Amino acid sequence: MLKDKNVHAVHITTPNRLHFQMARDALKAGKHVLCEKPLAMNTRETAALVDLAKKSKLAACVNYNLRYYPLCMEAREMVQENRLGKVHSIVGSYVQDWLLYQTDYNWRILAEEGGSLRAIADIGTHWLDMVQYITGLRVVALCADLLTIFPIRKRPKGEVESFSGKVQKIQATEDIAVNTEDGGAILLRFDNGAKGTLFVSQISAGRKNCLRWEISGGKGGAYWDSETPNELWLGYRDKPNEKLLKDPGLLSETVRPYVGYPGGHNEGYPDTFKQCFKAFYAYIAKGDYKAKPTFPTFLDGHREVALCEAIAKSNKKNSWVTVE
């Protein structure tokens, strides 16, 4: 495939341990790359990919697709226009329940396949990318306390279909040692002095895929929930609170191109992939690789892996750490 001149771009959607080699080889072959997160297994690998992408002058995207929810993009406009005032706190969570039972199993459980962090790297980095994208702030220090409820899991000996929506049949199992976390709590410090908290879990019963954030500033606040993605709550001290519904006619001019349907027509999770891919391929079609990309770059992916390493370090040391 990499030798095929008719192939101009490659999507990498493999287990995490393969991302570095595949992305490296694709860039060296002159292909644009869109890679699933995390970009690679550690910052040594991600730094090498950032450098290679810069030298190759090719489009290099990490699929942090969730930032493309229209109302999250509108919240970004509000922060940039100072409508919320100076941001002083950011709180939220990303919780699921697909690994609640000891018999729940997936390749991500194994550190050698997915990396030393699981819940944080798999879903926590989506939240971290989103709030940093919306606010324009960077996490500079953090303190993490991680949790693993099953040090041993029961791996089914037959095939397992995660996220299939099917009822899994009970079958013979084998014991597998777990060396990744099921969730955890993280205190955050941002580069403007703002404070934050994040709770991540893949063991929260009844929560299939729930990401929430609340951003508070000196003039107002904003709250968003992925289970009601077409609503943005806006809070004020001295006037009635508001609920903004997704409608291109009500959103900022810069956000409208990322809205796929008219008001009253819901957009959801699959649409975020579409908008991320559109931004990626529009950038390629334009051909100006010196222009600032409108998609999450390999540098964004590198920063998220750096956050993961800081979280692992903090949990091990049981203390605050600076993000390198």
C-alpha atoms as a PDB file:
ATOM      1  CA  MET A   1       0.000   0.000   0.000  1.00  0.00           C
ATOM      2  CA  LEU A   2       2.767   2.469   0.866  1.00  0.00           C
ATOM      3  CA  LYS A   3       4.285   1.882  -2.566  1.00  0.00           C
ATOM      4  CA  ASP A   4       0.982   2.599  -4.337  1.00  0.00           C
ATOM      5  CA  LYS A   5       1.164   6.077  -5.904  1.00  0.00           C
ATOM      6  CA  ASN A   6      -2.635   6.230  -6.016  1.00  0.00           C
ATOM      7  CA  VAL A   7      -2.755   6.175  -2.207  1.00  0.00           C
ATOM      8  CA  HIS A   8      -2.194   9.677  -0.843  1.00  0.00           C
ATOM      9  CA  ALA A   9      -3.311   9.298   2.787  1.00  0.00           C
ATOM     10  CA  VAL A  10      -3.370   6.527   5.374  1.00  0.00           C
ATOM     11  CA  HIS A  11      -5.663   6.044   8.396  1.00  0.00           C
ATOM     12  CA  ILE A  12      -4.055   4.098  11.258  1.00  0.00           C
ATOM     13  CA  THR A  13      -6.646   2.347  13.445  1.00  0.00           C
ATOM     14  CA  THR A  14      -4.629  -0.527  14.892  1.00  0.00           C
ATOM     15  CA  PRO A  15      -3.786  -1.394  18.517  1.00  0.00           C
ATOM     16  CA  ASN A  16      -1.646   1.342  20.049  1.00  0.00           C
ATOM     17  CA  ARG A  17       1.674  -0.513  20.000  1.00  0.00           C
ATOM     18  CA  LEU A  18       1.661  -0.421  16.178  1.00  0.00           C
ATOM     19  CA  HIS A  19       0.977   3.310  15.755  1.00  0.00           C
ATOM     20  CA  PHE A  20       4.585   4.512  15.825  1.00  0.00           C
ATOM     21  CA  GLN A  21       5.981   2.126  13.252  1.00  0.00           C
ATOM     22  CA  MET A  22       3.029   2.520  10.892  1.00  0.00           C
ATOM     23  CA  ALA A  23       2.934   6.328  11.117  1.00  0.00           C
ATOM     24  CA  ARG A  24       6.702   6.544  10.669  1.00  0.00           C
ATOM     25  CA  ASP A  25       6.690   4.278   7.639  1.00  0.00           C
ATOM     26  CA  ALA A  26       3.737   6.081   6.055  1.00  0.00           C
ATOM     27  CA  LEU A  27       5.349   9.513   6.443  1.00  0.00           C
ATOM     28  CA  LYS A  28       8.637   8.231   5.050  1.00  0.00           C
ATOM     29  CA  ALA A  29       6.681   6.890   2.073  1.00  0.00           C
ATOM     30  CA  GLY A  30       5.253  10.365   1.448  1.00  0.00           C
ATOM     31  CA  LYS A  31       1.729   9.636   2.705  1.00  0.00           C
ATOM     32  CA  HIS A  32      -0.439  11.976   4.730  1.00  0.00           C
ATOM     33  CA  VAL A  33      -1.363  10.297   8.033  1.00  0.00           C
ATOM     34  CA  LEU A  34      -4.451  10.305  10.233  1.00  0.00           C
ATOM     35  CA  CYS A  35      -3.668   8.242  13.330  1.00  0.00           C
ATOM     36  CA  GLU A  36      -5.933   7.070  16.120  1.00  0.00           C
ATOM     37  CA  LYS A  37      -4.984   8.168  19.595  1.00  0.00           C
ATOM     38  CA  PRO A  38      -2.764   7.766  21.440  1.00  0.00           C
ATOM     39  CA  LEU A  39      -0.242   8.761  18.781  1.00  0.00           C
ATOM     40  CA  ALA A  40       2.315   6.271  20.149  1.00  0.00           C
ATOM     41  CA  MET A  41       3.317   4.411  23.310  1.00  0.00           C
ATOM     42  CA  ASN A  42       5.635   7.072  24.800  1.00  0.00           C
ATOM     43  CA  THR A  43       6.956  10.599  24.250  1.00  0.00           C
ATOM     44  CA  ARG A  44      10.186   9.347  22.730  1.00  0.00           C
ATOM     45  CA  GLU A  45       8.159   7.887  19.886  1.00  0.00           C
ATOM     46  CA  THR A  46       5.724  10.802  19.621  1.00  0.00           C
ATOM     47  CA  ALA A  47       8.546  13.375  19.558  1.00  0.00           C
ATOM     48  CA  ALA A  48      10.157  11.468  16.688  1.00  0.00           C
ATOM     49  CA  LEU A  49       6.863  11.484  14.778  1.00  0.00           C
ATOM     50  CA  VAL A  50       6.365  15.220  15.363  1.00  0.00           C
ATOM     51  CA  ASP A  51       9.841  15.887  13.988  1.00  0.00           C
ATOM     52  CA  LEU A  52       9.322  13.598  11.001  1.00  0.00           C
ATOM     53  CA  ALA A  53       5.938  15.146  10.179  1.00  0.00           C
ATOM     54  CA  LYS A  54       7.449  18.632  10.288  1.00  0.00           C
ATOM     55  CA  LYS A  55      10.312  17.668   7.982  1.00  0.00           C
ATOM     56  CA  SER A  56       8.070  15.772   5.574  1.00  0.00           C
ATOM     57  CA  LYS A  57       5.676  18.730   5.112  1.00  0.00           C
ATOM     58  CA  LEU A  58       2.717  16.367   5.091  1.00  0.00           C
ATOM     59  CA  ALA A  59      -0.644  16.501   6.859  1.00  0.00           C
ATOM     60  CA  ALA A  60      -0.359  14.595  10.154  1.00  0.00           C
ATOM     61  CA  CYS A  61      -3.507  14.345  12.278  1.00  0.00           C
ATOM     62  CA  VAL A  62      -4.402  12.566  15.525  1.00  0.00           C
ATOM     63  CA  ASN A  63      -8.068  11.613  15.725  1.00  0.00           C
ATOM     64  CA  TYR A  64      -9.212  13.641  18.722  1.00  0.00           C
ATOM     65  CA  ASN A  65     -12.553  13.849  16.976  1.00  0.00           C
ATOM     66  CA  LEU A  66     -14.648  14.848  19.982  1.00  0.00           C
ATOM     67  CA  ARG A  67     -13.525  18.480  19.773  1.00  0.00           C
ATOM     68  CA  TYR A  68     -15.697  18.696  16.618  1.00  0.00           C
ATOM     69  CA  TYR A  69     -19.029  18.681  18.429  1.00  0.00           C
ATOM     70  CA  PRO A  70     -20.523  22.000  17.190  1.00  0.00           C
ATOM     71  CA  LEU A  71     -21.416  23.322  20.640  1.00  0.00           C
ATOM     72  CA  CYS A  72     -17.929  22.559  21.960  1.00  0.00           C
ATOM     73  CA  MET A  73     -16.547  24.594  19.081  1.00  0.00           C
ATOM     74  CA  GLU A  74     -19.019  27.362  19.929  1.00  0.00           C
ATOM     75  CA  ALA A  75     -17.809  27.309  23.545  1.00  0.00           C
ATOM     76  CA  ARG A  76     -14.288  27.848  22.199  1.00  0.00           C
ATOM     77  CA  GLU A  77     -15.496  30.949  20.359  1.00  0.00           C
ATOM     78  CA  MET A  78     -17.088  32.226  23.570  1.00  0.00           C
ATOM     79  CA  VAL A  79     -13.821  31.848  25.474  1.00  0.00           C
ATOM     80  CA  GLN A  80     -11.808  33.495  22.699  1.00  0.00           C
ATOM     81  CA  GLU A  81     -14.233  36.427  22.641  1.00  0.00           C
ATOM     82  CA  ASN A  82     -13.979  36.727  26.453  1.00  0.00           C
ATOM     83  CA  ARG A  83     -17.719  36.195  26.895  1.00  0.00           C
ATOM     84  CA  LEU A  84     -17.057  33.986  29.934  1.00  0.00           C
ATOM     85  CA  GLY A  85     -14.285  36.204  31.308  1.00  0.00           C
ATOM     86  CA  LYS A  86     -10.998  34.835  32.571  1.00  0.00           C
ATOM     87  CA  VAL A  87     -11.321  31.081  33.068  1.00  0.00           C
ATOM     88  CA  HIS A  88     -10.621  30.092  36.687  1.00  0.00           C
ATOM     89  CA  SER A  89     -11.889  26.513  36.919  1.00  0.00           C
ATOM     90  CA  ILE A  90     -12.521  23.518  34.669  1.00  0.00           C
ATOM     91  CA  VAL A  91     -14.165  20.392  36.060  1.00  0.00           C
ATOM     92  CA  GLY A  92     -15.584  17.277  34.484  1.00  0.00           C
ATOM     93  CA  SER A  93     -15.524  13.569  33.842  1.00  0.00           C
ATOM     94  CA  TYR A  94     -15.499  10.890  31.186  1.00  0.00           C
ATOM     95  CA  VAL A  95     -17.138   7.675  32.372  1.00  0.00           C
ATOM     96  CA  GLN A  96     -18.164   4.369  30.796  1.00  0.00           C
ATOM     97  CA  ASP A  97     -19.180   0.940  32.107  1.00  0.00           C
ATOM     98  CA  TRP A  98     -17.937  -1.536  29.506  1.00  0.00           C
ATOM     99  CA  LEU A  99     -15.276  -2.985  31.841  1.00  0.00           C
ATOM    100  CA  LEU A 100     -17.426  -3.128  34.984  1.00  0.00           C
ATOM    101  CA  TYR A 101     -17.409  -6.922  35.302  1.00  0.00           C
ATOM    102  CA  GLN A 102     -14.403  -9.122  35.935  1.00  0.00           C
ATOM    103  CA  THR A 103     -15.268 -11.120  32.813  1.00  0.00           C
ATOM    104  CA  ASP A 104     -15.144  -7.991  30.609  1.00  0.00           C
ATOM    105  CA  TYR A 105     -12.066  -8.133  28.434  1.00  0.00           C
ATOM    106  CA  ASN A 106     -10.373  -6.257  25.590  1.00  0.00           C
ATOM    107  CA  TRP A 107      -6.818  -5.958  24.239  1.00  0.00           C
ATOM    108  CA  ARG A 108      -6.574  -2.475  25.794  1.00  0.00           C
ATOM    109  CA  ILE A 109      -6.311  -4.127  29.216  1.00  0.00           C
ATOM    110  CA  LEU A 110      -2.793  -5.320  28.374  1.00  0.00           C
ATOM    111  CA  ALA A 111      -0.089  -2.666  28.792  1.00  0.00           C
ATOM    112  CA  GLU A 112       2.036  -4.282  26.093  1.00  0.00           C
ATOM    113  CA  GLU A 113      -0.777  -3.715  23.579  1.00  0.00           C
ATOM    114  CA  GLY A 114      -2.197  -0.349  24.605  1.00  0.00           C
ATOM    115  CA  GLY A 115       0.358   1.272  26.889  1.00  0.00           C
ATOM    116  CA  SER A 116       0.816   1.606  30.641  1.00  0.00           C
ATOM    117  CA  LEU A 117      -2.349   3.704  30.985  1.00  0.00           C
ATOM    118  CA  ARG A 118      -5.692   2.485  29.694  1.00  0.00           C
ATOM    119  CA  ALA A 119      -8.731   4.503  30.806  1.00  0.00           C
ATOM    120  CA  ILE A 120      -6.731   7.734  30.926  1.00  0.00           C
ATOM    121  CA  ALA A 121      -5.119   7.216  27.510  1.00  0.00           C
ATOM    122  CA  ASP A 122      -8.243   5.827  25.868  1.00  0.00           C
ATOM    123  CA  ILE A 123     -10.870   8.330  27.023  1.00  0.00           C
ATOM    124  CA  GLY A 124      -9.254  10.711  29.515  1.00  0.00           C
ATOM    125  CA  THR A 125      -7.090  12.246  26.803  1.00  0.00           C
ATOM    126  CA  HIS A 126     -10.229  13.067  24.804  1.00  0.00           C
ATOM    127  CA  TRP A 127     -11.445  15.192  27.736  1.00  0.00           C
ATOM    128  CA  LEU A 128      -8.032  16.788  28.216  1.00  0.00           C
ATOM    129  CA  ASP A 129      -7.747  17.589  24.515  1.00  0.00           C
ATOM    130  CA  MET A 130     -11.254  19.025  24.429  1.00  0.00           C
ATOM    131  CA  VAL A 131     -10.966  21.394  27.393  1.00  0.00           C
ATOM    132  CA  GLN A 132      -7.530  22.623  26.333  1.00  0.00           C
ATOM    133  CA  TYR A 133      -8.850  23.186  22.800  1.00  0.00           C
ATOM    134  CA  ILE A 134     -11.887  25.094  24.082  1.00  0.00           C
ATOM    135  CA  THR A 135     -10.026  27.289  26.568  1.00  0.00           C
ATOM    136  CA  GLY A 136      -6.682  27.653  24.810  1.00  0.00           C
ATOM    137  CA  LEU A 137      -5.026  26.769  28.138  1.00  0.00           C
ATOM    138  CA  ARG A 138      -2.385  24.128  28.824  1.00  0.00           C
ATOM    139  CA  VAL A 139      -2.129  21.749  31.775  1.00  0.00           C
ATOM    140  CA  VAL A 140       1.225  22.504  33.420  1.00  0.00           C
ATOM    141  CA  ALA A 141       0.986  20.417  36.616  1.00  0.00           C
ATOM    142  CA  LEU A 142      -1.196  17.635  37.975  1.00  0.00           C
ATOM    143  CA  CYS A 143      -1.781  15.150  40.776  1.00  0.00           C
ATOM    144  CA  ALA A 144      -3.285  11.750  39.961  1.00  0.00           C
ATOM    145  CA  ASP A 145      -4.790   8.916  41.997  1.00  0.00           C
ATOM    146  CA  LEU A 146      -5.606   5.900  39.813  1.00  0.00           C
ATOM    147  CA  LEU A 147      -7.762   2.842  40.486  1.00  0.00           C
ATOM    148  CA  THR A 148      -7.748  -0.787  39.354  1.00  0.00           C
ATOM    149  CA  ILE A 149     -10.626  -2.826  40.790  1.00  0.00           C
ATOM    150  CA  PHE A 150      -9.654  -6.144  39.193  1.00  0.00           C
ATOM    151  CA  PRO A 151      -5.936  -7.028  39.420  1.00  0.00           C
ATOM    152  CA  ILE A 152      -6.994 -10.289  37.764  1.00  0.00           C
ATOM    153  CA  ARG A 153      -9.564 -10.461  34.962  1.00  0.00           C
ATOM    154  CA  LYS A 154     -11.263 -13.497  33.449  1.00  0.00           C
ATOM    155  CA  ARG A 155     -10.425 -13.527  29.744  1.00  0.00           C
ATOM    156  CA  PRO A 156     -12.921 -15.514  27.633  1.00  0.00           C
ATOM    157  CA  LYS A 157     -11.182 -18.191  25.596  1.00  0.00           C
ATOM    158  CA  GLY A 158     -13.462 -17.481  22.647  1.00  0.00           C
ATOM    159  CA  GLU A 159     -13.906 -14.331  20.565  1.00  0.00           C
ATOM    160  CA  VAL A 160     -14.996 -11.117  22.324  1.00  0.00           C
ATOM    161  CA  GLU A 161     -16.754  -8.256  20.518  1.00  0.00           C
ATOM    162  CA  SER A 162     -16.345  -5.017  22.489  1.00  0.00           C
ATOM    163  CA  PHE A 163     -18.951  -2.291  21.799  1.00  0.00           C
ATOM    164  CA  SER A 164     -20.939  -4.671  19.576  1.00  0.00           C
ATOM    165  CA  GLY A 165     -24.155  -4.094  21.497  1.00  0.00           C
ATOM    166  CA  LYS A 166     -24.604  -7.840  21.715  1.00  0.00           C
ATOM    167  CA  VAL A 167     -25.179  -9.777  24.926  1.00  0.00           C
ATOM    168  CA  GLN A 168     -21.941 -11.665  25.553  1.00  0.00           C
ATOM    169  CA  LYS A 169     -22.425 -15.373  26.158  1.00  0.00           C
ATOM    170  CA  ILE A 170     -20.726 -16.860  29.206  1.00  0.00           C
ATOM    171  CA  GLN A 171     -17.856 -19.079  28.120  1.00  0.00           C
ATOM    172  CA  ALA A 172     -14.705 -20.684  29.505  1.00  0.00           C
ATOM    173  CA  THR A 173     -12.169 -18.177  30.831  1.00  0.00           C
ATOM    174  CA  GLU A 174      -8.542 -17.906  31.832  1.00  0.00           C
ATOM    175  CA  ASP A 175      -6.991 -15.590  34.441  1.00  0.00           C
ATOM    176  CA  ILE A 176      -5.118 -12.572  33.093  1.00  0.00           C
ATOM    177  CA  ALA A 177      -3.095 -10.199  35.293  1.00  0.00           C
ATOM    178  CA  VAL A 178      -4.153  -6.574  34.802  1.00  0.00           C
ATOM    179  CA  ASN A 179      -1.464  -3.888  34.770  1.00  0.00           C
ATOM    180  CA  THR A 180      -3.579  -0.942  33.605  1.00  0.00           C
ATOM    181  CA  GLU A 181      -6.042   1.278  35.454  1.00  0.00           C
ATOM    182  CA  ASP A 182      -9.849   1.166  35.387  1.00  0.00           C
ATOM    183  CA  GLY A 183     -10.117   4.858  36.218  1.00  0.00           C
ATOM    184  CA  GLY A 184      -8.883   7.614  38.449  1.00  0.00           C
ATOM    185  CA  ALA A 185      -9.114  11.172  39.749  1.00  0.00           C
ATOM    186  CA  ILE A 186      -6.779  13.947  38.611  1.00  0.00           C
ATOM    187  CA  LEU A 187      -6.229  17.451  39.962  1.00  0.00           C
ATOM    188  CA  LEU A 188      -5.076  19.905  37.296  1.00  0.00           C
ATOM    189  CA  ARG A 189      -3.272  23.243  37.205  1.00  0.00           C
ATOM    190  CA  PHE A 190      -3.419  25.296  34.002  1.00  0.00           C
ATOM    191  CA  ASP A 191      -0.945  27.827  32.641  1.00  0.00           C
ATOM    192  CA  ASN A 192      -3.132  30.830  33.536  1.00  0.00           C
ATOM    193  CA  GLY A 193      -3.463  29.653  37.146  1.00  0.00           C
ATOM    194  CA  ALA A 194      -6.884  28.027  36.664  1.00  0.00           C
ATOM    195  CA  LYS A 195      -7.622  24.853  38.636  1.00  0.00           C
ATOM    196  CA  GLY A 196      -9.337  21.719  37.397  1.00  0.00           C
ATOM    197  CA  THR A 197     -10.509  18.240  38.282  1.00  0.00           C
ATOM    198  CA  LEU A 198     -11.088  15.221  36.046  1.00  0.00           C
ATOM    199  CA  PHE A 199     -12.574  11.839  36.913  1.00  0.00           C
ATOM    200  CA  VAL A 200     -12.201   9.001  34.411  1.00  0.00           C
ATOM    201  CA  SER A 201     -13.786   5.561  34.658  1.00  0.00           C
ATOM    202  CA  GLN A 202     -14.559   2.506  32.552  1.00  0.00           C
ATOM    203  CA  ILE A 203     -16.405   0.893  35.476  1.00  0.00           C
ATOM    204  CA  SER A 204     -19.315   3.315  36.138  1.00  0.00           C
ATOM    205  CA  ALA A 205     -22.516   1.274  35.861  1.00  0.00           C
ATOM    206  CA  GLY A 206     -25.086   2.667  33.464  1.00  0.00           C
ATOM    207  CA  ARG A 207     -22.769   5.203  31.852  1.00  0.00           C
ATOM    208  CA  LYS A 208     -22.073   3.931  28.353  1.00  0.00           C
ATOM    209  CA  ASN A 209     -20.095   6.901  27.062  1.00  0.00           C
ATOM    210  CA  CYS A 210     -20.580  10.085  29.070  1.00  0.00           C
ATOM    211  CA  LEU A 211     -18.188  13.045  28.771  1.00  0.00           C
ATOM    212  CA  ARG A 212     -18.973  16.199  30.736  1.00  0.00           C
ATOM    213  CA  TRP A 213     -17.168  19.481  31.295  1.00  0.00           C
ATOM    214  CA  GLU A 214     -17.977  22.724  33.085  1.00  0.00           C
ATOM    215  CA  ILE A 215     -15.885  25.826  32.482  1.00  0.00           C
ATOM    216  CA  SER A 216     -16.235  28.768  34.871  1.00  0.00           C
ATOM    217  CA  GLY A 217     -14.986  32.282  34.256  1.00  0.00           C
ATOM    218  CA  GLY A 218     -15.284  35.737  35.767  1.00  0.00           C
ATOM    219  CA  LYS A 219     -18.322  36.636  33.643  1.00  0.00           C
ATOM    220  CA  GLY A 220     -20.113  33.331  33.202  1.00  0.00           C
ATOM    221  CA  GLY A 221     -19.932  29.590  32.895  1.00  0.00           C
ATOM    222  CA  ALA A 222     -20.610  26.876  30.330  1.00  0.00           C
ATOM    223  CA  TYR A 223     -21.568  23.224  30.766  1.00  0.00           C
ATOM    224  CA  TRP A 224     -21.800  20.458  28.159  1.00  0.00           C
ATOM    225  CA  ASP A 225     -22.708  16.762  28.310  1.00  0.00           C
ATOM    226  CA  SER A 226     -22.031  14.305  25.474  1.00  0.00           C
ATOM    227  CA  GLU A 227     -25.299  12.494  26.265  1.00  0.00           C
ATOM    228  CA  THR A 228     -27.158  15.689  25.257  1.00  0.00           C
ATOM    229  CA  PRO A 229     -24.645  16.992  22.702  1.00  0.00           C
ATOM    230  CA  ASN A 230     -26.969  19.459  21.005  1.00  0.00           C
ATOM    231  CA  GLU A 231     -27.410  21.560  24.155  1.00  0.00           C
ATOM    232  CA  LEU A 232     -24.970  23.989  25.779  1.00  0.00           C
ATOM    233  CA  TRP A 233     -25.859  25.365  29.218  1.00  0.00           C
ATOM    234  CA  LEU A 234     -24.708  28.931  29.911  1.00  0.00           C
ATOM    235  CA  GLY A 235     -24.700  30.262  33.468  1.00  0.00           C
ATOM    236  CA  TYR A 236     -24.719  33.841  34.765  1.00  0.00           C
ATOM    237  CA  ARG A 237     -24.691  35.585  38.129  1.00  0.00           C
ATOM    238  CA  ASP A 238     -27.077  38.480  37.448  1.00  0.00           C
ATOM    239  CA  LYS A 239     -29.393  37.340  34.659  1.00  0.00           C
ATOM    240  CA  PRO A 240     -31.288  34.180  33.716  1.00  0.00           C
ATOM    241  CA  ASN A 241     -29.243  31.193  32.678  1.00  0.00           C
ATOM    242  CA  GLU A 242     -29.551  30.045  29.071  1.00  0.00           C
ATOM    243  CA  LYS A 243     -29.623  26.808  27.114  1.00  0.00           C
ATOM    244  CA  LEU A 244     -28.238  27.155  23.599  1.00  0.00           C
ATOM    245  CA  LEU A 245     -29.494  24.549  21.130  1.00  0.00           C
ATOM    246  CA  LYS A 246     -27.420  23.512  18.148  1.00  0.00           C
ATOM    247  CA  ASP A 247     -28.641  25.530  15.172  1.00  0.00           C
ATOM    248  CA  PRO A 248     -26.255  26.860  12.511  1.00  0.00           C
ATOM    249  CA  GLY A 249     -28.247  30.079  12.400  1.00  0.00           C
ATOM    250  CA  LEU A 250     -27.448  30.702  16.076  1.00  0.00           C
ATOM    251  CA  LEU A 251     -23.777  29.740  16.026  1.00  0.00           C
ATOM    252  CA  SER A 252     -20.662  31.745  15.218  1.00  0.00           C
ATOM    253  CA  GLU A 253     -19.678  32.116  11.583  1.00  0.00           C
ATOM    254  CA  THR A 254     -16.478  30.142  12.148  1.00  0.00           C
ATOM    255  CA  VAL A 255     -18.427  27.208  13.640  1.00  0.00           C
ATOM    256  CA  ARG A 256     -21.124  26.909  10.967  1.00  0.00           C
ATOM    257  CA  PRO A 257     -18.951  24.988   8.468  1.00  0.00           C
ATOM    258  CA  TYR A 258     -18.681  22.196  11.055  1.00  0.00           C
ATOM    259  CA  VAL A 259     -22.461  21.800  11.426  1.00  0.00           C
ATOM    260  CA  GLY A 260     -23.827  19.079   9.169  1.00  0.00           C
ATOM    261  CA  TYR A 261     -27.569  19.480   9.714  1.00  0.00           C
ATOM    262  CA  PRO A 262     -30.106  22.291  10.245  1.00  0.00           C
ATOM    263  CA  GLY A 263     -31.512  23.206  13.631  1.00  0.00           C
ATOM    264  CA  GLY A 264     -33.750  20.552  15.151  1.00  0.00           C
ATOM    265  CA  HIS A 265     -31.775  17.750  13.488  1.00  0.00           C
ATOM    266  CA  ASN A 266     -29.519  16.083  16.019  1.00  0.00           C
ATOM    267  CA  GLU A 267     -25.807  15.543  15.463  1.00  0.00           C
ATOM    268  CA  GLY A 268     -23.792  13.099  17.476  1.00  0.00           C
ATOM    269  CA  TYR A 269     -20.702  10.981  17.883  1.00  0.00           C
ATOM    270  CA  PRO A 270     -20.370   9.690  14.283  1.00  0.00           C
ATOM    271  CA  ASP A 271     -20.557  13.254  12.944  1.00  0.00           C
ATOM    272  CA  THR A 272     -17.435  14.236  14.873  1.00  0.00           C
ATOM    273  CA  PHE A 273     -15.412  11.736  12.837  1.00  0.00           C
ATOM    274  CA  LYS A 274     -16.861  13.167   9.643  1.00  0.00           C
ATOM    275  CA  GLN A 275     -15.914  16.723  10.579  1.00  0.00           C
ATOM    276  CA  CYS A 276     -12.398  15.742  11.649  1.00  0.00           C
ATOM    277  CA  PHE A 277     -11.858  13.878   8.383  1.00  0.00           C
ATOM    278  CA  LYS A 278     -13.281  16.809   6.385  1.00  0.00           C
ATOM    279  CA  ALA A 279     -10.811  19.189   8.027  1.00  0.00           C
ATOM    280  CA  PHE A 280      -7.949  16.784   7.339  1.00  0.00           C
ATOM    281  CA  TYR A 281      -8.753  16.299   3.660  1.00  0.00           C
ATOM    282  CA  ALA A 282      -9.598  19.968   3.070  1.00  0.00           C
ATOM    283  CA  TYR A 283      -6.124  20.815   4.347  1.00  0.00           C
ATOM    284  CA  ILE A 284      -4.575  18.282   1.967  1.00  0.00           C
ATOM    285  CA  ALA A 285      -6.640  19.547  -0.967  1.00  0.00           C
ATOM    286  CA  LYS A 286      -5.593  23.133  -0.325  1.00  0.00           C
ATOM    287  CA  GLY A 287      -1.946  22.086  -0.429  1.00  0.00           C
ATOM    288  CA  ASP A 288      -0.557  24.877   1.765  1.00  0.00           C
ATOM    289  CA  TYR A 289       1.260  22.842   4.391  1.00  0.00           C
ATOM    290  CA  LYS A 290       2.728  25.949   5.995  1.00  0.00           C
ATOM    291  CA  ALA A 291      -0.773  27.038   7.021  1.00  0.00           C
ATOM    292  CA  LYS A 292      -1.966  26.282  10.547  1.00  0.00           C
ATOM    293  CA  PRO A 293      -4.013  23.053  10.504  1.00  0.00           C
ATOM    294  CA  THR A 294      -7.625  23.100  11.678  1.00  0.00           C
ATOM    295  CA  PHE A 295      -7.344  19.524  12.974  1.00  0.00           C
ATOM    296  CA  PRO A 296      -5.532  17.950  15.965  1.00  0.00           C
ATOM    297  CA  THR A 297      -1.893  17.606  14.936  1.00  0.00           C
ATOM    298  CA  PHE A 298       0.881  15.200  15.859  1.00  0.00           C
ATOM    299  CA  LEU A 299       2.077  17.906  18.269  1.00  0.00           C
ATOM    300  CA  ASP A 300      -1.299  17.744  20.022  1.00  0.00           C
ATOM    301  CA  GLY A 301      -0.900  13.964  20.145  1.00  0.00           C
ATOM    302  CA  HIS A 302       2.588  14.326  21.613  1.00  0.00           C
ATOM    303  CA  ARG A 303       1.305  16.652  24.332  1.00  0.00           C
ATOM    304  CA  GLU A 304      -1.432  14.183  25.287  1.00  0.00           C
ATOM    305  CA  VAL A 305       1.104  11.369  25.670  1.00  0.00           C
ATOM    306  CA  ALA A 306       3.242  13.721  27.785  1.00  0.00           C
ATOM    307  CA  LEU A 307       0.195  14.253  30.002  1.00  0.00           C
ATOM    308  CA  CYS A 308      -0.257  10.485  30.277  1.00  0.00           C
ATOM    309  CA  GLU A 309       3.348  10.042  31.359  1.00  0.00           C
ATOM    310  CA  ALA A 310       2.942  12.802  33.946  1.00  0.00           C
ATOM    311  CA  ILE A 311      -0.238  11.154  35.250  1.00  0.00           C
ATOM    312  CA  ALA A 312       1.506   7.782  35.576  1.00  0.00           C
ATOM    313  CA  LYS A 313       4.454   9.437  37.321  1.00  0.00           C
ATOM    314  CA  SER A 314       2.206  11.342  39.723  1.00  0.00           C
ATOM    315  CA  ASN A 315       0.233   8.237  40.625  1.00  0.00           C
ATOM    316  CA  LYS A 316       3.444   6.313  41.309  1.00  0.00           C
ATOM    317  CA  LYS A 317       4.982   9.119  43.400  1.00  0.00           C
ATOM    318  CA  ASN A 318       1.671  10.006  45.085  1.00  0.00           C
ATOM    319  CA  SER A 319       2.424  13.695  44.541  1.00  0.00           C
ATOM    320  CA  TRP A 320       2.077  16.688  42.236  1.00  0.00           C
ATOM    321  CA  VAL A 321       4.276  16.635  39.132  1.00  0.00           C
ATOM    322  CA  THR A 322       5.117  19.170  36.447  1.00  0.00           C
ATOM    323  CA  VAL A 323       4.102  18.292  32.897  1.00  0.00           C
ATOM    324  CA  GLU A 324       7.241  18.123  30.772  1.00  0.00           C
END
